[in-house]
Amino acid sequence: IGLELSDLLHIMDKRASKIMELSIDQEKQLASDLKLFQMAVLVLNHWSIHEICATFKFNSHQAVQLLAKLDRMKLIDLLPNNHIRIKVSREFGWIENGPIQKLFESSVQNDFIKSTFTNPGEYRTFLNGMLSKASIEKLTKKTKRLELEFHDLCREDESLSSGSKYGMGMLIGFRPWEIESFTKLRRTNTLKTY
């Protein structure tokens, strides 16, 4: 029918039901192990093991061990030749007041916000005004549509190499960003600017 096997697998993967929320145990494991958490973030953003090892301070043995742990946690399927099938939906959410949300609030959020948002590719706005409940609901719906648009753009860019994409954080503002502790694990020659 004119399809490559990889194209067929990609179509099947998109149709498979994906995890929309992690269990408390899965979140605890990720929040308690920075390297495992970093590997999960990279894999969920479609980095290959080659890209991960070339960019961060993981050798292939360490990377495979972390991927195997993510496989045992049922977040991915580790396939032959270290190919990865992601079992988590792009739109999955953290457990409210769960381990990852607490990690985000205690360290990641502050790391994100400490920027001046004046560099290329960064944007921040602060608006002040008074809104009715109806307007707040309308604004919330529009923000949720923006969230869906963000996920759609991530999906569109999945097939691009990691070298042509930037880790983006969005908190009614956006900028190229990486968790500071992840940057410390980078090889020095892989740090990139926008």
N, C-alpha and C. Protein backbone atom coordinates (compact mmCIF):
# COMPACT_ATOMS: atom_id res chain seq x y z
N ILE A 1 0.82 -1.22 0.00
CA ILE A 1 0.00 0.00 0.00
C ILE A 1 0.85 1.27 0.00
N GLY A 2 2.15 1.11 -0.18
CA GLY A 2 3.02 2.26 -0.29
C GLY A 2 3.48 2.84 1.04
N LEU A 3 3.32 2.10 2.11
CA LEU A 3 3.77 2.58 3.42
C LEU A 3 5.02 1.83 3.86
N GLU A 4 5.94 2.54 4.46
CA GLU A 4 7.09 1.90 5.10
C GLU A 4 6.61 1.27 6.40
N LEU A 5 7.32 0.27 6.87
CA LEU A 5 6.98 -0.37 8.14
C LEU A 5 7.00 0.66 9.28
N SER A 6 7.98 1.56 9.25
CA SER A 6 8.07 2.59 10.31
C SER A 6 6.85 3.51 10.28
N ASP A 7 6.34 3.81 9.07
CA ASP A 7 5.13 4.64 8.96
C ASP A 7 3.93 3.93 9.57
N LEU A 8 3.82 2.63 9.29
CA LEU A 8 2.72 1.84 9.82
C LEU A 8 2.79 1.76 11.35
N LEU A 9 4.00 1.56 11.89
CA LEU A 9 4.17 1.53 13.34
C LEU A 9 3.82 2.88 13.97
N HIS A 10 4.18 3.96 13.28
CA HIS A 10 3.87 5.30 13.78
C HIS A 10 2.35 5.52 13.84
N ILE A 11 1.65 5.07 12.81
CA ILE A 11 0.18 5.20 12.78
C ILE A 11 -0.43 4.37 13.90
N MET A 12 0.06 3.13 14.06
CA MET A 12 -0.47 2.27 15.12
C MET A 12 -0.20 2.87 16.49
N ASP A 13 0.99 3.45 16.66
CA ASP A 13 1.36 4.05 17.94
C ASP A 13 0.44 5.21 18.28
N LYS A 14 0.10 6.03 17.29
CA LYS A 14 -0.78 7.17 17.53
C LYS A 14 -2.18 6.73 17.91
N ARG A 15 -2.61 5.57 17.40
CA ARG A 15 -3.96 5.09 17.67
C ARG A 15 -4.06 4.35 19.01
N ALA A 16 -2.93 3.89 19.52
CA ALA A 16 -2.95 3.15 20.78
C ALA A 16 -3.37 4.08 21.91
N SER A 17 -4.14 3.55 22.86
CA SER A 17 -4.54 4.39 23.98
C SER A 17 -3.31 4.66 24.83
N LYS A 18 -3.19 5.88 25.26
CA LYS A 18 -2.02 6.31 26.01
C LYS A 18 -2.43 6.69 27.43
N ILE A 19 -1.45 6.62 28.31
CA ILE A 19 -1.66 6.97 29.72
C ILE A 19 -1.90 8.47 29.84
N MET A 20 -2.98 8.84 30.53
CA MET A 20 -3.33 10.25 30.71
C MET A 20 -2.87 10.80 32.06
N GLU A 21 -2.61 9.90 33.03
CA GLU A 21 -2.13 10.32 34.34
C GLU A 21 -1.29 9.19 34.93
N LEU A 22 -0.16 9.56 35.51
CA LEU A 22 0.70 8.57 36.14
C LEU A 22 0.12 8.17 37.49
N SER A 23 0.56 7.03 37.98
CA SER A 23 0.15 6.62 39.33
C SER A 23 1.00 7.38 40.34
N ILE A 24 0.58 7.37 41.59
CA ILE A 24 1.34 8.04 42.64
C ILE A 24 2.72 7.40 42.77
N ASP A 25 2.80 6.07 42.63
CA ASP A 25 4.10 5.39 42.72
C ASP A 25 5.02 5.79 41.56
N GLN A 26 4.47 5.89 40.36
CA GLN A 26 5.28 6.31 39.22
C GLN A 26 5.82 7.73 39.44
N GLU A 27 4.95 8.63 39.91
CA GLU A 27 5.40 10.00 40.17
C GLU A 27 6.46 10.04 41.27
N LYS A 28 6.28 9.24 42.32
CA LYS A 28 7.26 9.21 43.41
C LYS A 28 8.63 8.77 42.89
N GLN A 29 8.63 7.74 42.04
CA GLN A 29 9.90 7.25 41.49
C GLN A 29 10.59 8.33 40.66
N LEU A 30 9.83 9.03 39.83
CA LEU A 30 10.41 10.08 38.99
C LEU A 30 10.90 11.25 39.84
N ALA A 31 10.11 11.67 40.81
CA ALA A 31 10.47 12.83 41.62
C ALA A 31 11.67 12.55 42.52
N SER A 32 11.92 11.29 42.84
CA SER A 32 13.02 10.96 43.75
C SER A 32 14.34 10.67 43.03
N ASP A 33 14.33 10.64 41.71
CA ASP A 33 15.54 10.30 40.96
C ASP A 33 15.68 11.28 39.79
N LEU A 34 16.54 12.29 39.98
CA LEU A 34 16.68 13.35 38.98
C LEU A 34 17.05 12.83 37.60
N LYS A 35 17.97 11.87 37.54
CA LYS A 35 18.39 11.35 36.23
C LYS A 35 17.24 10.58 35.56
N LEU A 36 16.49 9.83 36.34
CA LEU A 36 15.34 9.12 35.79
C LEU A 36 14.29 10.12 35.30
N PHE A 37 14.07 11.17 36.08
CA PHE A 37 13.11 12.20 35.70
C PHE A 37 13.56 12.88 34.40
N GLN A 38 14.85 13.21 34.32
CA GLN A 38 15.36 13.84 33.11
C GLN A 38 15.19 12.91 31.91
N MET A 39 15.50 11.64 32.09
CA MET A 39 15.36 10.69 30.99
C MET A 39 13.90 10.62 30.55
N ALA A 40 12.97 10.60 31.50
CA ALA A 40 11.54 10.55 31.16
C ALA A 40 11.14 11.79 30.37
N VAL A 41 11.58 12.96 30.81
CA VAL A 41 11.25 14.21 30.11
C VAL A 41 11.78 14.16 28.68
N LEU A 42 13.03 13.73 28.52
CA LEU A 42 13.63 13.68 27.18
C LEU A 42 12.92 12.67 26.28
N VAL A 43 12.64 11.49 26.82
CA VAL A 43 11.97 10.45 26.03
C VAL A 43 10.57 10.88 25.65
N LEU A 44 9.84 11.50 26.58
CA LEU A 44 8.49 11.96 26.27
C LEU A 44 8.50 13.08 25.24
N ASN A 45 9.65 13.71 25.06
CA ASN A 45 9.81 14.73 24.03
C ASN A 45 10.51 14.17 22.79
N HIS A 46 10.51 12.83 22.69
CA HIS A 46 10.95 12.11 21.50
C HIS A 46 12.44 12.25 21.18
N TRP A 47 13.28 12.33 22.19
CA TRP A 47 14.72 12.28 21.98
C TRP A 47 15.11 10.81 21.79
N SER A 48 16.04 10.57 20.90
CA SER A 48 16.57 9.21 20.73
C SER A 48 17.68 8.99 21.75
N ILE A 49 18.00 7.73 22.00
CA ILE A 49 19.09 7.43 22.94
C ILE A 49 20.40 8.03 22.44
N HIS A 50 20.60 8.05 21.14
CA HIS A 50 21.83 8.64 20.58
C HIS A 50 21.87 10.14 20.89
N GLU A 51 20.76 10.84 20.68
CA GLU A 51 20.72 12.28 20.97
C GLU A 51 20.94 12.56 22.45
N ILE A 52 20.35 11.72 23.30
CA ILE A 52 20.48 11.90 24.75
C ILE A 52 21.94 11.74 25.17
N CYS A 53 22.59 10.67 24.71
CA CYS A 53 23.97 10.41 25.11
C CYS A 53 24.95 11.43 24.52
N ALA A 54 24.63 11.95 23.34
CA ALA A 54 25.50 12.96 22.73
C ALA A 54 25.36 14.33 23.41
N THR A 55 24.22 14.56 24.05
CA THR A 55 23.94 15.88 24.62
C THR A 55 24.14 15.94 26.12
N PHE A 56 23.86 14.86 26.83
CA PHE A 56 23.93 14.85 28.29
C PHE A 56 24.98 13.85 28.77
N LYS A 57 25.33 13.96 30.04
CA LYS A 57 26.37 13.12 30.62
C LYS A 57 25.85 11.73 30.98
N PHE A 58 25.31 11.04 29.99
CA PHE A 58 24.90 9.65 30.12
C PHE A 58 25.71 8.85 29.12
N ASN A 59 26.32 7.74 29.56
CA ASN A 59 26.87 6.83 28.56
C ASN A 59 25.73 5.90 28.14
N SER A 60 25.95 5.13 27.10
CA SER A 60 24.84 4.32 26.58
C SER A 60 24.37 3.29 27.60
N HIS A 61 25.29 2.76 28.42
CA HIS A 61 24.89 1.79 29.44
C HIS A 61 23.95 2.43 30.47
N GLN A 62 24.31 3.62 30.96
CA GLN A 62 23.45 4.33 31.92
C GLN A 62 22.10 4.65 31.31
N ALA A 63 22.13 5.11 30.06
CA ALA A 63 20.89 5.47 29.38
C ALA A 63 19.97 4.26 29.24
N VAL A 64 20.52 3.13 28.85
CA VAL A 64 19.71 1.92 28.68
C VAL A 64 19.15 1.47 30.04
N GLN A 65 19.94 1.58 31.10
CA GLN A 65 19.45 1.23 32.44
C GLN A 65 18.26 2.10 32.83
N LEU A 66 18.35 3.40 32.56
CA LEU A 66 17.24 4.30 32.88
C LEU A 66 16.03 4.00 32.00
N LEU A 67 16.27 3.72 30.73
CA LEU A 67 15.16 3.37 29.83
C LEU A 67 14.50 2.07 30.29
N ALA A 68 15.29 1.12 30.73
CA ALA A 68 14.73 -0.15 31.23
C ALA A 68 13.86 0.10 32.46
N LYS A 69 14.29 1.04 33.29
CA LYS A 69 13.48 1.37 34.47
C LYS A 69 12.16 2.02 34.05
N LEU A 70 12.21 2.91 33.06
CA LEU A 70 10.98 3.52 32.55
C LEU A 70 10.08 2.46 31.92
N ASP A 71 10.68 1.45 31.30
CA ASP A 71 9.92 0.34 30.74
C ASP A 71 9.23 -0.44 31.87
N ARG A 72 9.97 -0.75 32.93
CA ARG A 72 9.39 -1.48 34.06
C ARG A 72 8.28 -0.66 34.74
N MET A 73 8.40 0.66 34.66
CA MET A 73 7.37 1.54 35.23
C MET A 73 6.16 1.65 34.30
N LYS A 74 6.26 1.04 33.12
CA LYS A 74 5.17 1.01 32.12
C LYS A 74 4.92 2.39 31.48
N LEU A 75 5.96 3.23 31.44
CA LEU A 75 5.85 4.54 30.80
C LEU A 75 6.24 4.46 29.34
N ILE A 76 7.10 3.50 29.02
CA ILE A 76 7.55 3.27 27.64
C ILE A 76 7.63 1.77 27.41
N ASP A 77 7.77 1.40 26.15
CA ASP A 77 8.20 0.06 25.78
C ASP A 77 9.59 0.23 25.20
N LEU A 78 10.57 -0.43 25.79
CA LEU A 78 11.93 -0.42 25.24
C LEU A 78 12.02 -1.55 24.23
N LEU A 79 12.18 -1.20 22.99
CA LEU A 79 12.15 -2.15 21.88
C LEU A 79 13.57 -2.54 21.46
N PRO A 80 13.71 -3.54 20.60
CA PRO A 80 15.04 -3.91 20.12
C PRO A 80 15.79 -2.71 19.54
N ASN A 81 17.10 -2.76 19.65
CA ASN A 81 17.99 -1.69 19.19
C ASN A 81 17.73 -0.37 19.89
N ASN A 82 17.22 -0.46 21.12
CA ASN A 82 16.97 0.72 21.96
C ASN A 82 15.99 1.72 21.35
N HIS A 83 15.07 1.22 20.54
CA HIS A 83 13.98 2.07 20.06
C HIS A 83 12.97 2.17 21.19
N ILE A 84 12.21 3.25 21.18
CA ILE A 84 11.31 3.54 22.29
C ILE A 84 9.90 3.77 21.77
N ARG A 85 8.93 3.11 22.39
CA ARG A 85 7.52 3.39 22.13
C ARG A 85 6.98 4.04 23.40
N ILE A 86 6.49 5.25 23.26
CA ILE A 86 5.99 6.02 24.39
C ILE A 86 4.57 5.59 24.70
N LYS A 87 4.29 5.33 25.98
CA LYS A 87 2.95 4.89 26.39
C LYS A 87 2.17 6.00 27.07
N VAL A 88 2.79 7.17 27.22
CA VAL A 88 2.17 8.29 27.92
C VAL A 88 1.70 9.32 26.89
N SER A 89 0.50 9.81 27.05
CA SER A 89 -0.05 10.81 26.15
C SER A 89 0.69 12.14 26.30
N ARG A 90 0.81 12.85 25.20
CA ARG A 90 1.41 14.18 25.25
C ARG A 90 0.62 15.08 26.20
N GLU A 91 -0.68 14.87 26.32
CA GLU A 91 -1.54 15.74 27.13
C GLU A 91 -1.72 15.23 28.56
N PHE A 92 -0.87 14.28 29.00
CA PHE A 92 -1.07 13.74 30.34
C PHE A 92 -0.89 14.85 31.38
N GLY A 93 -1.48 14.64 32.54
CA GLY A 93 -1.38 15.63 33.60
C GLY A 93 -0.78 15.04 34.85
N TRP A 94 -0.14 15.91 35.63
CA TRP A 94 0.40 15.49 36.91
C TRP A 94 -0.72 15.35 37.91
N ILE A 95 -0.54 14.52 38.91
CA ILE A 95 -1.51 14.36 39.98
C ILE A 95 -1.54 15.66 40.79
N GLU A 96 -2.75 16.15 41.03
CA GLU A 96 -2.88 17.39 41.81
C GLU A 96 -2.28 17.18 43.19
N ASN A 97 -1.37 18.06 43.57
CA ASN A 97 -0.62 17.99 44.83
C ASN A 97 0.21 16.71 44.96
N GLY A 98 0.51 16.08 43.82
CA GLY A 98 1.32 14.87 43.82
C GLY A 98 2.81 15.18 43.84
N PRO A 99 3.64 14.14 43.82
CA PRO A 99 5.09 14.32 43.92
C PRO A 99 5.70 15.22 42.84
N ILE A 100 5.25 15.08 41.60
CA ILE A 100 5.83 15.90 40.53
C ILE A 100 5.38 17.35 40.66
N GLN A 101 4.12 17.56 40.98
CA GLN A 101 3.64 18.94 41.17
C GLN A 101 4.38 19.60 42.33
N LYS A 102 4.62 18.86 43.39
CA LYS A 102 5.37 19.40 44.53
C LYS A 102 6.81 19.72 44.14
N LEU A 103 7.43 18.83 43.35
CA LEU A 103 8.78 19.09 42.85
C LEU A 103 8.79 20.35 42.00
N PHE A 104 7.79 20.48 41.12
CA PHE A 104 7.68 21.66 40.27
C PHE A 104 7.58 22.92 41.12
N GLU A 105 6.70 22.89 42.10
CA GLU A 105 6.48 24.08 42.92
C GLU A 105 7.68 24.42 43.80
N SER A 106 8.42 23.41 44.25
CA SER A 106 9.53 23.67 45.17
C SER A 106 10.80 24.12 44.47
N SER A 107 11.01 23.71 43.22
CA SER A 107 12.27 24.08 42.58
C SER A 107 12.15 24.47 41.12
N VAL A 108 11.42 23.72 40.35
CA VAL A 108 11.36 23.97 38.90
C VAL A 108 10.71 25.30 38.58
N GLN A 109 9.61 25.60 39.23
CA GLN A 109 8.88 26.85 38.96
C GLN A 109 9.76 28.06 39.19
N ASN A 110 10.48 28.09 40.30
CA ASN A 110 11.36 29.23 40.58
C ASN A 110 12.49 29.32 39.57
N ASP A 111 13.02 28.18 39.15
CA ASP A 111 14.07 28.15 38.14
C ASP A 111 13.55 28.76 36.84
N PHE A 112 12.31 28.46 36.49
CA PHE A 112 11.71 29.00 35.27
C PHE A 112 11.50 30.50 35.36
N ILE A 113 10.97 30.97 36.46
CA ILE A 113 10.56 32.36 36.58
C ILE A 113 11.74 33.33 36.77
N LYS A 114 12.90 32.84 37.18
CA LYS A 114 13.99 33.77 37.48
C LYS A 114 14.59 34.45 36.25
N SER A 115 14.09 34.19 35.08
CA SER A 115 14.55 34.86 33.86
C SER A 115 14.01 36.29 33.79
N THR A 116 14.74 37.13 33.05
CA THR A 116 14.24 38.49 32.77
C THR A 116 13.28 38.48 31.57
N PHE A 117 13.25 37.37 30.83
CA PHE A 117 12.40 37.22 29.64
C PHE A 117 12.68 38.31 28.61
N THR A 118 13.95 38.67 28.45
CA THR A 118 14.31 39.70 27.47
C THR A 118 15.18 39.14 26.35
N ASN A 119 15.54 37.88 26.41
CA ASN A 119 16.37 37.28 25.37
C ASN A 119 15.52 36.85 24.18
N PRO A 120 16.15 36.70 23.00
CA PRO A 120 15.39 36.22 21.83
C PRO A 120 14.70 34.90 22.15
N GLY A 121 13.45 34.78 21.70
CA GLY A 121 12.69 33.57 21.93
C GLY A 121 11.98 33.53 23.26
N GLU A 122 12.14 34.58 24.08
CA GLU A 122 11.47 34.65 25.38
C GLU A 122 10.36 35.67 25.33
N TYR A 123 9.34 35.44 26.09
CA TYR A 123 8.21 36.37 26.14
C TYR A 123 7.55 36.26 27.50
N ARG A 124 7.21 37.38 28.05
CA ARG A 124 6.45 37.40 29.31
C ARG A 124 5.55 38.62 29.27
N THR A 125 4.40 38.43 29.79
CA THR A 125 3.49 39.57 29.93
C THR A 125 2.81 39.46 31.28
N PHE A 126 2.51 40.57 31.85
CA PHE A 126 1.75 40.60 33.09
C PHE A 126 0.61 41.57 32.87
N LEU A 127 -0.59 41.11 33.03
CA LEU A 127 -1.77 41.93 32.83
C LEU A 127 -2.50 42.11 34.15
N ASN A 128 -3.11 43.24 34.31
CA ASN A 128 -3.84 43.51 35.54
C ASN A 128 -5.19 44.08 35.16
N GLY A 129 -6.22 43.59 35.75
CA GLY A 129 -7.56 44.10 35.46
C GLY A 129 -8.56 43.38 36.34
N MET A 130 -9.80 43.76 36.20
CA MET A 130 -10.87 43.13 36.98
C MET A 130 -11.82 42.44 36.00
N LEU A 131 -12.12 41.17 36.28
CA LEU A 131 -12.96 40.38 35.39
C LEU A 131 -14.11 39.76 36.16
N SER A 132 -15.22 39.59 35.47
CA SER A 132 -16.37 38.91 36.05
C SER A 132 -16.13 37.41 36.02
N LYS A 133 -16.96 36.65 36.73
CA LYS A 133 -16.86 35.19 36.70
C LYS A 133 -17.01 34.68 35.27
N ALA A 134 -17.94 35.26 34.51
CA ALA A 134 -18.15 34.83 33.13
C ALA A 134 -16.90 35.09 32.29
N SER A 135 -16.27 36.23 32.49
CA SER A 135 -15.05 36.55 31.74
C SER A 135 -13.90 35.65 32.16
N ILE A 136 -13.82 35.34 33.44
CA ILE A 136 -12.77 34.43 33.93
C ILE A 136 -12.95 33.05 33.29
N GLU A 137 -14.20 32.58 33.22
CA GLU A 137 -14.46 31.29 32.57
C GLU A 137 -14.09 31.32 31.10
N LYS A 138 -14.41 32.42 30.43
CA LYS A 138 -14.08 32.57 29.01
C LYS A 138 -12.56 32.57 28.82
N LEU A 139 -11.85 33.30 29.67
CA LEU A 139 -10.40 33.36 29.59
C LEU A 139 -9.78 31.99 29.88
N THR A 140 -10.35 31.25 30.83
CA THR A 140 -9.86 29.91 31.15
C THR A 140 -10.02 28.99 29.95
N LYS A 141 -11.18 29.06 29.27
CA LYS A 141 -11.40 28.24 28.08
C LYS A 141 -10.39 28.59 26.98
N LYS A 142 -10.12 29.88 26.80
CA LYS A 142 -9.15 30.30 25.77
C LYS A 142 -7.76 29.82 26.13
N THR A 143 -7.43 29.87 27.41
CA THR A 143 -6.12 29.40 27.85
C THR A 143 -5.99 27.90 27.63
N LYS A 144 -7.07 27.15 27.89
CA LYS A 144 -7.05 25.71 27.65
C LYS A 144 -6.90 25.41 26.16
N ARG A 145 -7.49 26.24 25.30
CA ARG A 145 -7.31 26.07 23.85
C ARG A 145 -5.86 26.33 23.48
N LEU A 146 -5.24 27.33 24.13
CA LEU A 146 -3.83 27.61 23.89
C LEU A 146 -2.98 26.42 24.33
N GLU A 147 -3.33 25.80 25.43
CA GLU A 147 -2.64 24.60 25.92
C GLU A 147 -2.74 23.48 24.87
N LEU A 148 -3.93 23.28 24.30
CA LEU A 148 -4.10 22.27 23.26
C LEU A 148 -3.26 22.61 22.02
N GLU A 149 -3.22 23.89 21.67
CA GLU A 149 -2.40 24.33 20.54
C GLU A 149 -0.93 24.04 20.80
N PHE A 150 -0.48 24.27 22.03
CA PHE A 150 0.90 23.97 22.40
C PHE A 150 1.19 22.48 22.17
N HIS A 151 0.28 21.60 22.63
CA HIS A 151 0.46 20.16 22.45
C HIS A 151 0.43 19.79 20.97
N ASP A 152 -0.45 20.43 20.18
CA ASP A 152 -0.51 20.16 18.74
C ASP A 152 0.82 20.53 18.07
N LEU A 153 1.39 21.67 18.45
CA LEU A 153 2.67 22.09 17.88
C LEU A 153 3.79 21.12 18.27
N CYS A 154 3.77 20.65 19.51
CA CYS A 154 4.76 19.65 19.94
C CYS A 154 4.64 18.40 19.09
N ARG A 155 3.41 17.97 18.84
CA ARG A 155 3.18 16.77 18.03
C ARG A 155 3.69 16.98 16.60
N GLU A 156 3.42 18.16 16.04
CA GLU A 156 3.89 18.47 14.68
C GLU A 156 5.40 18.41 14.59
N ASP A 157 6.10 18.80 15.66
CA ASP A 157 7.56 18.87 15.65
C ASP A 157 8.23 17.60 16.14
N GLU A 158 7.46 16.57 16.49
CA GLU A 158 8.04 15.34 17.02
C GLU A 158 9.08 14.72 16.10
N SER A 159 8.86 14.79 14.81
CA SER A 159 9.76 14.11 13.88
C SER A 159 11.05 14.89 13.62
N LEU A 160 11.14 16.13 14.09
CA LEU A 160 12.36 16.92 13.91
C LEU A 160 13.43 16.44 14.87
N SER A 161 14.67 16.63 14.51
CA SER A 161 15.77 16.23 15.40
C SER A 161 15.80 17.13 16.62
N SER A 162 16.37 16.62 17.71
CA SER A 162 16.45 17.42 18.93
C SER A 162 17.30 18.67 18.72
N GLY A 163 18.24 18.62 17.79
CA GLY A 163 19.08 19.78 17.52
C GLY A 163 18.34 20.94 16.90
N SER A 164 17.16 20.68 16.35
CA SER A 164 16.40 21.76 15.71
C SER A 164 15.21 22.22 16.55
N LYS A 165 15.15 21.73 17.79
CA LYS A 165 14.04 22.10 18.68
C LYS A 165 14.61 22.66 19.97
N TYR A 166 13.79 23.40 20.68
CA TYR A 166 14.18 23.98 21.96
C TYR A 166 13.22 23.49 23.04
N GLY A 167 13.75 23.18 24.20
CA GLY A 167 12.88 22.87 25.32
C GLY A 167 12.15 24.14 25.71
N MET A 168 10.85 24.13 25.69
CA MET A 168 10.07 25.33 25.99
C MET A 168 9.23 25.11 27.23
N GLY A 169 9.20 26.10 28.09
CA GLY A 169 8.31 26.10 29.23
C GLY A 169 7.29 27.21 29.01
N MET A 170 6.06 26.99 29.39
CA MET A 170 5.02 27.99 29.17
C MET A 170 4.19 28.16 30.43
N LEU A 171 4.21 29.35 30.96
CA LEU A 171 3.45 29.69 32.15
C LEU A 171 2.84 31.06 31.89
N ILE A 172 1.91 31.11 30.97
CA ILE A 172 1.39 32.35 30.40
C ILE A 172 2.58 33.25 30.05
N GLY A 173 3.50 32.64 29.42
CA GLY A 173 4.74 33.22 28.94
C GLY A 173 5.57 32.05 28.47
N PHE A 174 6.56 32.29 27.66
CA PHE A 174 7.39 31.19 27.21
C PHE A 174 8.80 31.67 26.95
N ARG A 175 9.73 30.72 27.04
CA ARG A 175 11.12 31.00 26.74
C ARG A 175 11.85 29.68 26.54
N PRO A 176 12.92 29.66 25.76
CA PRO A 176 13.72 28.45 25.72
C PRO A 176 14.23 28.20 27.13
N TRP A 177 14.09 26.97 27.59
CA TRP A 177 14.36 26.74 29.00
C TRP A 177 14.66 25.28 29.27
N GLU A 178 15.49 25.07 30.25
CA GLU A 178 15.82 23.73 30.70
C GLU A 178 16.00 23.82 32.21
N ILE A 179 15.55 22.82 32.93
CA ILE A 179 15.72 22.80 34.39
C ILE A 179 17.20 22.93 34.69
N GLU A 180 17.53 23.85 35.61
CA GLU A 180 18.92 24.15 35.92
C GLU A 180 19.74 22.91 36.27
N SER A 181 19.13 22.01 37.02
CA SER A 181 19.86 20.80 37.40
C SER A 181 20.11 19.89 36.19
N PHE A 182 19.26 19.98 35.14
CA PHE A 182 19.52 19.23 33.92
C PHE A 182 20.74 19.82 33.21
N THR A 183 20.82 21.17 33.19
CA THR A 183 21.93 21.84 32.53
C THR A 183 23.26 21.41 33.15
N LYS A 184 23.26 21.21 34.46
CA LYS A 184 24.49 20.77 35.14
C LYS A 184 24.93 19.39 34.68
N LEU A 185 24.00 18.59 34.18
CA LEU A 185 24.34 17.26 33.69
C LEU A 185 24.76 17.24 32.23
N ARG A 186 24.67 18.38 31.56
CA ARG A 186 25.04 18.47 30.15
C ARG A 186 26.55 18.36 29.97
N ARG A 187 26.94 17.86 28.83
CA ARG A 187 28.33 17.97 28.43
C ARG A 187 28.54 19.43 28.07
N THR A 188 29.68 19.99 28.38
CA THR A 188 29.89 21.44 28.23
C THR A 188 29.73 21.91 26.79
N ASN A 189 30.08 21.10 25.82
CA ASN A 189 30.01 21.55 24.43
C ASN A 189 28.61 21.41 23.83
N THR A 190 27.61 20.98 24.60
CA THR A 190 26.27 20.80 24.05
C THR A 190 25.30 21.89 24.47
N LEU A 191 25.75 22.84 25.29
CA LEU A 191 24.89 23.93 25.72
C LEU A 191 24.59 24.82 24.52
N LYS A 192 23.31 25.06 24.26
CA LYS A 192 22.97 25.89 23.09
C LYS A 192 22.15 27.09 23.52
N THR A 193 22.26 28.15 22.76
CA THR A 193 21.48 29.36 23.02
C THR A 193 20.55 29.57 21.84
N TYR A 194 19.52 30.32 22.08
CA TYR A 194 18.51 30.57 21.05
C TYR A 194 19.04 31.53 20.02
